[in-house]
Amino acid sequence: MTEMLRRWCGGRPLRTDVAVALACFLLAVPLAAATAYHRGASVTGYLLFLLLSCLPLLVRSRWPVPVVAATVLVGVVELVLIPFSPGPRPEALGISMFAVGVALYAVATRTDRPTAWRTGCCAAAALTLTALIVRPGLEELPQNLGLIAWPCLSVAIGDAVRSRRELLASAVERAERAERTREEEARRRVTEERMRIARELHDVVAHHITLVNAQAGVAHHLMRTDPEHAYRALERIRDTSRAALDELRATVGLLRHSGDRAAPREPAPGLAGLDDLLDAFRHSGLDVALERAGTSADLPPILDLTAYRIVQEALTNTHKHAGPTTARVRLDFGTATDAGVLRLTVEDDGRRTGPGTAADGGAGTGHGMIGMHERARAVGGTLAAGPRPGRRGFRVHAELPLPAGTGRKGCRP
């Protein structure tokens, strides 16, 4: 029966109010009939009076406070008419008190606590004062003061229900907010991982394909005039392509599940392989000089990889855009004023022809340049790239924070 009533109401306030008013009327009918029989009065008159007290409940959801005023008015009229009715006096709690209690419960559940208690106190005061006026005397005092308990009890029950609903709503909101936060964090981590893998793939492919293209050009140019040098260029193409495949296999392995035993275990490249990287560029025709200031032991893997990739991408751009030129790489492991910073500089003397390069005054806007900036920011550093001031060429300068105790004084050429 209760489930059928809930489905019929369906969250509609009007239907709920009709059901509550009807239930209040039906539950109070036996009391009204018994009171009329006990006093020898008309049962029809008492039922009509009960109906009049329940009618305001039809709009209790829309106007809860006016409904309380209407039901209290009916209760006051009932208390005034009691002395003029035949038969013995009934108890102070009349049949209209049921409607008053339901109306005060609605106010407590639909408004704030101060409003509910102010309304309840006003209702209790009106009913109690009326009872004291129409039924004076000490023998009637306990029954008259008993009218205070009914409104206060209704407000207290309604306030407790409202507090419980707010608590449940708050718990549900916190759970939903936590779920949204987890989903957003998961999406953010997926995006960061995707961007990291994209940077790795770009750096690996761009670097090795650039070297392969340069070495293939050398082999094609020397194939007829100097077959020996052309053969050595083809050998370097073979070695470069093998290295590219190894790095691609290691990078694509990041897409595998961490527990997959088939995932590659090759170490990530770092500054320890910088000499081999520069040799590869020298074989492709780029004259590269390396200068080191200070020494560093055991750089964190992420910082080691970041520095290596920045040098790799900067030299790749130099080889692609600068034309025949010389390049210089300088590593400063905290020997300048700020000993906690790795300063990395790559510059060249060539004339760049690609968009966003030194030829047109830009600072570089390709995926490689974006990737270098992202790598530097990922380790808490900064990167600046642009044409060299007052001279031909391009310059990439990065400052990456070193862990405490990493930078050491000294110089190694």
Protein backbone atom coordinates (compact mmCIF):
# COMPACT_ATOMS: atom_id res chain seq x y z
CA MET A 1 0.00 0.00 0.00
CA THR A 2 2.80 2.40 0.92
CA GLU A 3 4.69 1.58 -2.30
CA MET A 4 1.56 2.18 -4.38
CA LEU A 5 1.07 5.54 -2.67
CA ARG A 6 4.67 6.53 -3.42
CA ARG A 7 4.31 5.61 -7.09
CA TRP A 8 1.06 7.58 -7.29
CA CYS A 9 2.67 10.68 -5.78
CA GLY A 10 5.66 10.34 -8.11
CA GLY A 11 7.48 13.36 -6.63
CA ARG A 12 4.57 15.69 -7.45
CA PRO A 13 3.84 18.09 -4.55
CA LEU A 14 0.12 18.46 -5.32
CA ARG A 15 -0.51 14.73 -5.23
CA THR A 16 1.55 14.41 -2.06
CA ASP A 17 -0.47 17.16 -0.37
CA VAL A 18 -3.76 15.52 -1.37
CA ALA A 19 -2.57 12.18 0.01
CA VAL A 20 -1.41 13.77 3.30
CA ALA A 21 -4.65 15.73 3.77
CA LEU A 22 -6.73 12.64 3.05
CA ALA A 23 -4.66 10.49 5.43
CA CYS A 24 -4.94 13.11 8.19
CA PHE A 25 -8.72 13.24 7.72
CA LEU A 26 -9.19 9.46 7.73
CA LEU A 27 -6.97 8.93 10.78
CA ALA A 28 -8.83 11.60 12.79
CA VAL A 29 -12.32 10.40 11.84
CA PRO A 30 -12.49 7.80 14.66
CA LEU A 31 -11.41 10.42 17.22
CA ALA A 32 -13.99 12.91 15.94
CA ALA A 33 -16.76 10.27 16.05
CA ALA A 34 -15.76 9.14 19.55
CA THR A 35 -15.65 12.74 20.83
CA ALA A 36 -19.09 13.50 19.36
CA TYR A 37 -20.54 10.31 20.89
CA HIS A 38 -18.98 11.06 24.28
CA ARG A 39 -20.43 14.58 24.34
CA GLY A 40 -23.75 13.63 22.82
CA ALA A 41 -23.18 16.00 19.90
CA SER A 42 -23.73 15.58 16.18
CA VAL A 43 -21.19 13.32 14.51
CA THR A 44 -21.77 15.09 11.20
CA GLY A 45 -20.90 18.45 12.73
CA TYR A 46 -17.64 17.14 14.16
CA LEU A 47 -16.71 15.51 10.86
CA LEU A 48 -17.45 18.77 9.07
CA PHE A 49 -15.22 20.61 11.55
CA LEU A 50 -12.46 18.02 10.99
CA LEU A 51 -12.78 18.45 7.23
CA LEU A 52 -12.47 22.21 7.60
CA SER A 53 -9.19 21.81 9.54
CA CYS A 54 -7.74 19.42 6.93
CA LEU A 55 -8.59 21.46 3.83
CA PRO A 56 -5.60 23.89 4.19
CA LEU A 57 -3.26 20.90 4.03
CA LEU A 58 -4.00 20.62 0.32
CA VAL A 59 -1.56 23.51 -0.30
CA ARG A 60 0.94 22.89 2.51
CA SER A 61 3.89 22.44 0.09
CA ARG A 62 3.22 25.74 -1.66
CA TRP A 63 2.37 27.94 1.32
CA PRO A 64 3.49 26.12 4.50
CA VAL A 65 3.40 29.09 6.91
CA PRO A 66 -0.08 30.35 5.83
CA VAL A 67 -1.35 26.79 6.14
CA VAL A 68 -0.15 26.73 9.76
CA ALA A 69 -1.99 30.00 10.39
CA ALA A 70 -5.19 28.57 8.88
CA THR A 71 -5.07 25.35 10.91
CA VAL A 72 -4.27 27.26 14.12
CA LEU A 73 -7.24 29.54 13.42
CA VAL A 74 -9.48 26.49 13.15
CA GLY A 75 -8.02 25.18 16.40
CA VAL A 76 -8.67 28.49 18.14
CA VAL A 77 -12.28 28.47 16.92
CA GLU A 78 -12.66 24.92 18.22
CA LEU A 79 -11.33 25.89 21.66
CA VAL A 80 -13.68 28.88 21.77
CA LEU A 81 -16.75 26.76 20.88
CA ILE A 82 -16.02 23.99 23.41
CA PRO A 83 -17.60 25.79 26.45
CA PHE A 84 -20.79 26.43 24.49
CA SER A 85 -21.26 22.85 23.33
CA PRO A 86 -23.43 20.36 25.23
CA GLY A 87 -22.05 17.55 27.32
CA PRO A 88 -18.89 17.26 29.42
CA ARG A 89 -15.75 19.14 28.46
CA PRO A 90 -13.29 17.14 26.39
CA GLU A 91 -9.55 17.06 26.88
CA ALA A 92 -7.63 20.14 25.79
CA LEU A 93 -6.26 18.40 22.69
CA GLY A 94 -9.02 18.76 20.07
CA ILE A 95 -9.52 17.13 16.72
CA SER A 96 -8.01 20.09 14.82
CA MET A 97 -4.66 19.54 16.53
CA PHE A 98 -3.85 16.76 14.06
CA ALA A 99 -3.94 19.23 11.16
CA VAL A 100 -1.88 21.75 13.18
CA GLY A 101 0.80 19.13 13.80
CA VAL A 102 0.98 18.11 10.11
CA ALA A 103 1.19 21.76 9.02
CA LEU A 104 4.01 22.51 11.49
CA TYR A 105 5.87 19.39 10.32
CA ALA A 106 5.67 20.70 6.74
CA VAL A 107 7.09 24.08 7.82
CA ALA A 108 9.98 22.39 9.66
CA THR A 109 10.91 20.22 6.66
CA ARG A 110 10.59 22.95 4.01
CA THR A 111 12.07 26.01 5.72
CA ASP A 112 15.07 26.78 7.88
CA ARG A 113 15.28 26.02 11.58
CA PRO A 114 14.66 29.55 12.93
CA THR A 115 11.55 29.98 10.80
CA ALA A 116 10.19 26.60 11.89
CA TRP A 117 10.68 27.27 15.58
CA ARG A 118 9.30 30.79 15.40
CA THR A 119 6.21 29.47 13.64
CA GLY A 120 5.84 26.64 16.17
CA CYS A 121 6.17 28.98 19.14
CA CYS A 122 3.57 31.37 17.70
CA ALA A 123 1.14 28.49 17.13
CA ALA A 124 1.68 27.13 20.64
CA ALA A 125 1.25 30.60 22.15
CA ALA A 126 -2.00 31.25 20.25
CA LEU A 127 -3.54 27.93 21.22
CA THR A 128 -2.38 28.09 24.85
CA LEU A 129 -3.56 31.67 25.41
CA THR A 130 -6.93 30.85 23.88
CA ALA A 131 -7.31 27.81 26.14
CA LEU A 132 -6.35 29.85 29.25
CA ILE A 133 -8.93 32.50 28.37
CA VAL A 134 -11.86 30.21 27.58
CA ARG A 135 -11.08 27.75 30.40
CA PRO A 136 -9.62 29.63 33.35
CA GLY A 137 -8.90 27.99 36.67
CA LEU A 138 -6.11 26.02 38.26
CA GLU A 139 -7.85 22.70 37.66
CA GLU A 140 -7.70 23.35 33.89
CA LEU A 141 -4.10 24.63 33.90
CA PRO A 142 -2.33 21.26 33.25
CA GLN A 143 -4.58 20.54 30.26
CA ASN A 144 -4.17 24.05 28.87
CA LEU A 145 -0.38 23.98 29.19
CA GLY A 146 -0.38 20.59 27.48
CA LEU A 147 -1.18 22.42 24.23
CA ILE A 148 2.47 23.60 24.14
CA ALA A 149 3.82 20.07 23.72
CA TRP A 150 1.99 19.17 20.48
CA PRO A 151 3.32 22.04 18.26
CA CYS A 152 6.83 21.74 19.71
CA LEU A 153 6.87 17.98 19.14
CA SER A 154 5.77 18.43 15.50
CA VAL A 155 8.47 21.03 14.86
CA ALA A 156 11.14 18.87 16.52
CA ILE A 157 10.25 15.83 14.40
CA GLY A 158 10.18 17.90 11.21
CA ASP A 159 13.51 19.55 12.05
CA ALA A 160 15.12 16.16 12.67
CA VAL A 161 13.84 14.85 9.32
CA ARG A 162 15.08 17.95 7.50
CA SER A 163 18.52 17.67 9.13
CA ARG A 164 18.77 14.01 8.14
CA ARG A 165 17.82 14.82 4.54
CA GLU A 166 20.43 17.58 4.39
CA LEU A 167 23.04 15.23 5.81
CA LEU A 168 22.22 12.56 3.23
CA ALA A 169 22.20 15.14 0.43
CA SER A 170 25.58 16.45 1.58
CA ALA A 171 27.01 12.93 1.68
CA VAL A 172 25.70 12.20 -1.82
CA GLU A 173 27.12 15.49 -3.11
CA ARG A 174 30.53 14.74 -1.59
CA ALA A 175 30.51 11.28 -3.13
CA GLU A 176 29.56 12.66 -6.54
CA ARG A 177 32.20 15.39 -6.28
CA ALA A 178 34.83 12.82 -5.29
CA GLU A 179 33.80 10.64 -8.24
CA ARG A 180 34.03 13.60 -10.62
CA THR A 181 37.43 14.48 -9.18
CA ARG A 182 38.67 10.93 -9.69
CA GLU A 183 37.41 10.90 -13.27
CA GLU A 184 39.00 14.29 -14.00
CA GLU A 185 42.28 13.17 -12.44
CA ALA A 186 42.22 9.98 -14.49
CA ARG A 187 41.57 11.95 -17.70
CA ARG A 188 44.35 14.39 -16.80
CA ARG A 189 46.83 11.57 -16.23
CA VAL A 190 45.82 9.89 -19.48
CA THR A 191 46.33 13.17 -21.34
CA GLU A 192 49.71 13.76 -19.73
CA GLU A 193 50.83 10.22 -20.56
CA ARG A 194 49.62 10.59 -24.14
CA MET A 195 51.51 13.87 -24.54
CA ARG A 196 54.64 12.35 -23.02
CA ILE A 197 54.55 9.42 -25.43
CA ALA A 198 53.86 11.79 -28.33
CA ARG A 199 56.94 13.84 -27.40
CA GLU A 200 59.09 10.73 -27.21
CA LEU A 201 57.88 9.47 -30.58
CA HIS A 202 58.41 12.86 -32.20
CA ASP A 203 61.93 13.22 -30.84
CA VAL A 204 62.95 9.70 -31.83
CA VAL A 205 61.44 9.79 -35.31
CA ALA A 206 62.46 13.36 -36.16
CA HIS A 207 66.06 12.85 -35.03
CA HIS A 208 66.74 9.52 -36.72
CA ILE A 209 64.86 10.27 -39.93
CA THR A 210 66.78 13.54 -40.24
CA LEU A 211 70.09 11.68 -39.90
CA VAL A 212 69.00 8.95 -42.30
CA ASN A 213 67.95 11.55 -44.85
CA ALA A 214 71.29 13.40 -44.55
CA GLN A 215 73.34 10.21 -44.80
CA ALA A 216 71.26 8.98 -47.74
CA GLY A 217 71.97 12.27 -49.50
CA VAL A 218 75.70 11.82 -48.91
CA ALA A 219 75.60 8.24 -50.19
CA HIS A 220 73.68 9.28 -53.30
CA HIS A 221 76.15 12.09 -54.01
CA LEU A 222 79.25 9.91 -53.58
CA MET A 223 77.96 6.67 -55.04
CA ARG A 224 79.72 7.13 -58.40
CA THR A 225 82.67 9.29 -57.48
CA ASP A 226 83.64 7.76 -54.12
CA PRO A 227 82.02 4.35 -53.57
CA GLU A 228 84.03 3.76 -50.38
CA HIS A 229 82.62 6.83 -48.64
CA ALA A 230 79.16 6.05 -50.00
CA TYR A 231 79.44 2.54 -48.53
CA ARG A 232 80.34 3.95 -45.09
CA ALA A 233 77.34 6.32 -45.35
CA LEU A 234 75.09 3.33 -46.05
CA GLU A 235 76.54 1.58 -42.99
CA ARG A 236 75.68 4.63 -40.88
CA ILE A 237 72.14 4.57 -42.33
CA ARG A 238 71.88 0.96 -41.24
CA ASP A 239 73.12 1.72 -37.73
CA THR A 240 70.92 4.80 -37.41
CA SER A 241 67.80 2.95 -38.54
CA ARG A 242 68.57 0.12 -36.11
CA ALA A 243 68.93 2.62 -33.28
CA ALA A 244 65.66 4.25 -34.34
CA LEU A 245 63.87 0.91 -34.24
CA ASP A 246 65.29 0.14 -30.78
CA GLU A 247 64.15 3.51 -29.39
CA LEU A 248 60.73 3.17 -31.02
CA ARG A 249 60.33 -0.29 -29.51
CA ALA A 250 61.20 1.08 -26.06
CA THR A 251 58.84 4.06 -26.47
CA VAL A 252 55.92 2.02 -27.77
CA GLY A 253 56.50 -0.31 -24.83
CA LEU A 254 55.21 2.50 -22.60
CA LEU A 255 51.76 1.79 -24.03
CA ARG A 256 51.82 -1.72 -22.62
CA HIS A 257 50.47 -2.69 -19.24
CA SER A 258 53.02 -2.26 -16.46
CA GLY A 259 52.73 -5.95 -15.60
CA ASP A 260 53.32 -7.18 -19.15
CA ARG A 261 56.52 -9.18 -19.19
CA ALA A 262 56.89 -8.58 -22.92
CA ALA A 263 57.42 -4.86 -22.36
CA PRO A 264 60.96 -3.77 -23.34
CA ARG A 265 63.49 -3.11 -20.63
CA GLU A 266 65.96 -0.86 -22.51
CA PRO A 267 67.14 2.08 -20.40
CA ALA A 268 66.01 5.55 -21.42
CA PRO A 269 68.68 7.65 -23.15
CA GLY A 270 70.55 10.27 -21.13
CA LEU A 271 73.58 12.54 -21.11
CA ALA A 272 75.83 9.49 -20.86
CA GLY A 273 75.03 8.87 -24.52
CA LEU A 274 75.59 12.50 -25.55
CA ASP A 275 78.95 11.78 -27.23
CA ASP A 276 77.38 9.10 -29.42
CA LEU A 277 74.57 11.51 -30.31
CA LEU A 278 77.04 14.21 -31.36
CA ASP A 279 79.08 11.71 -33.36
CA ALA A 280 75.95 10.77 -35.29
CA PHE A 281 75.38 14.41 -36.18
CA ARG A 282 79.02 14.84 -37.17
CA HIS A 283 78.79 11.85 -39.50
CA SER A 284 75.72 13.45 -41.10
CA GLY A 285 77.70 16.61 -41.89
CA LEU A 286 77.02 18.87 -38.91
CA ASP A 287 80.09 20.24 -37.14
CA VAL A 288 79.25 20.10 -33.41
CA ALA A 289 81.44 21.20 -30.51
CA LEU A 290 80.75 20.23 -26.89
CA GLU A 291 81.74 22.20 -23.81
CA ARG A 292 81.14 21.09 -20.24
CA ALA A 293 81.43 23.19 -17.10
CA GLY A 294 81.41 21.17 -13.91
CA THR A 295 80.54 17.53 -13.54
CA SER A 296 77.41 15.78 -12.38
CA ALA A 297 76.88 12.40 -10.80
CA ASP A 298 73.65 10.45 -10.91
CA LEU A 299 71.18 12.90 -12.37
CA PRO A 300 67.54 11.89 -11.80
CA PRO A 301 66.32 9.83 -14.79
CA ILE A 302 63.65 12.35 -15.79
CA LEU A 303 66.14 15.23 -15.70
CA ASP A 304 68.77 13.19 -17.57
CA LEU A 305 66.27 12.28 -20.30
CA THR A 306 64.97 15.85 -20.53
CA ALA A 307 68.45 17.33 -21.05
CA TYR A 308 69.29 14.68 -23.65
CA ARG A 309 66.07 15.21 -25.61
CA ILE A 310 66.45 19.00 -25.62
CA VAL A 311 69.97 18.71 -27.08
CA GLN A 312 68.77 16.12 -29.57
CA GLU A 313 65.81 18.19 -30.77
CA ALA A 314 67.81 21.43 -30.92
CA LEU A 315 70.54 19.83 -33.07
CA THR A 316 67.92 18.12 -35.23
CA ASN A 317 66.33 21.50 -35.95
CA THR A 318 69.76 22.96 -36.68
CA HIS A 319 70.51 20.17 -39.15
CA LYS A 320 67.12 20.55 -40.84
CA HIS A 321 66.87 24.33 -41.08
CA ALA A 322 70.28 25.97 -40.67
CA GLY A 323 72.05 24.55 -43.68
CA PRO A 324 75.85 24.09 -43.67
CA THR A 325 76.93 25.48 -40.31
CA THR A 326 78.62 24.78 -37.02
CA ALA A 327 76.85 24.19 -33.72
CA ARG A 328 77.95 24.41 -30.11
CA VAL A 329 76.55 22.58 -27.09
CA ARG A 330 77.35 23.82 -23.59
CA LEU A 331 76.45 22.07 -20.34
CA ASP A 332 76.91 23.98 -17.10
CA PHE A 333 76.32 21.79 -14.02
CA GLY A 334 75.80 24.51 -11.44
CA THR A 335 79.12 26.35 -11.66
CA ALA A 336 77.52 29.77 -12.23
CA THR A 337 75.88 31.99 -9.61
CA ASP A 338 73.02 29.55 -9.01
CA ALA A 339 74.68 26.22 -8.20
CA GLY A 340 71.37 24.35 -8.21
CA VAL A 341 70.63 24.76 -11.92
CA LEU A 342 71.77 22.84 -15.00
CA ARG A 343 72.22 25.36 -17.81
CA LEU A 344 72.02 23.86 -21.28
CA THR A 345 72.74 25.93 -24.40
CA VAL A 346 72.66 24.88 -28.06
CA GLU A 347 73.42 27.50 -30.70
CA ASP A 348 74.49 27.62 -34.33
CA ASP A 349 75.78 30.12 -36.90
CA GLY A 350 73.64 29.07 -39.85
CA ARG A 351 70.75 30.68 -41.69
CA ARG A 352 67.43 29.00 -41.07
CA THR A 353 64.80 28.75 -43.79
CA GLY A 354 61.87 27.07 -42.08
CA PRO A 355 58.83 28.91 -40.65
CA GLY A 356 59.33 30.40 -37.20
CA THR A 357 63.13 30.23 -37.41
CA ALA A 358 65.89 32.76 -37.43
CA ALA A 359 65.34 33.67 -41.03
CA ASP A 360 61.98 35.25 -40.33
CA GLY A 361 62.64 36.33 -36.76
CA GLY A 362 60.41 33.73 -35.11
CA ALA A 363 61.18 31.69 -32.04
CA GLY A 364 60.02 28.37 -33.46
CA THR A 365 56.45 27.07 -33.25
CA GLY A 366 56.70 23.46 -34.48
CA HIS A 367 55.94 20.30 -32.51
CA GLY A 368 59.61 19.90 -31.64
CA MET A 369 59.84 23.38 -30.15
CA ILE A 370 56.59 22.84 -28.22
CA GLY A 371 57.93 19.52 -26.96
CA MET A 372 61.14 21.13 -25.67
CA HIS A 373 59.14 23.74 -23.74
CA GLU A 374 56.88 21.03 -22.28
CA ARG A 375 59.85 18.90 -21.23
CA ALA A 376 61.50 21.83 -19.46
CA ARG A 377 58.29 22.75 -17.63
CA ALA A 378 57.74 19.12 -16.62
CA VAL A 379 60.92 19.15 -14.49
CA GLY A 380 60.31 22.65 -13.13
CA GLY A 381 62.67 24.43 -15.52
CA THR A 382 62.45 27.04 -18.25
CA LEU A 383 63.44 27.16 -21.91
CA ALA A 384 64.04 30.09 -24.25
CA ALA A 385 64.58 29.75 -28.00
CA GLY A 386 65.07 32.34 -30.70
CA PRO A 387 67.51 34.05 -33.06
CA ARG A 388 70.86 35.04 -31.63
CA PRO A 389 70.93 38.80 -30.93
CA GLY A 390 72.71 40.80 -33.63
CA ARG A 391 74.14 37.73 -35.34
CA ARG A 392 73.13 34.97 -37.65
CA GLY A 393 72.06 31.70 -36.13
CA PHE A 394 69.68 30.32 -33.57
CA ARG A 395 69.97 29.72 -29.84
CA VAL A 396 68.19 27.35 -27.44
CA HIS A 397 68.83 27.89 -23.74
CA ALA A 398 67.30 25.79 -20.95
CA GLU A 399 67.66 26.03 -17.19
CA LEU A 400 66.75 22.85 -15.33
CA PRO A 401 66.79 22.64 -11.49
CA LEU A 402 69.28 20.17 -10.05
CA PRO A 403 68.62 18.13 -6.90
CA ALA A 404 70.55 19.24 -3.82
CA GLY A 405 74.18 18.16 -3.95
CA THR A 406 74.15 17.19 -7.63
CA GLY A 407 76.20 20.04 -9.12
CA ARG A 408 79.95 19.89 -8.43
CA LYS A 409 82.72 22.36 -9.07
CA GLY A 410 85.29 21.58 -11.71
CA CYS A 411 85.56 21.45 -15.42
CA ARG A 412 85.80 18.59 -17.88
CA PRO A 413 86.22 19.43 -21.59
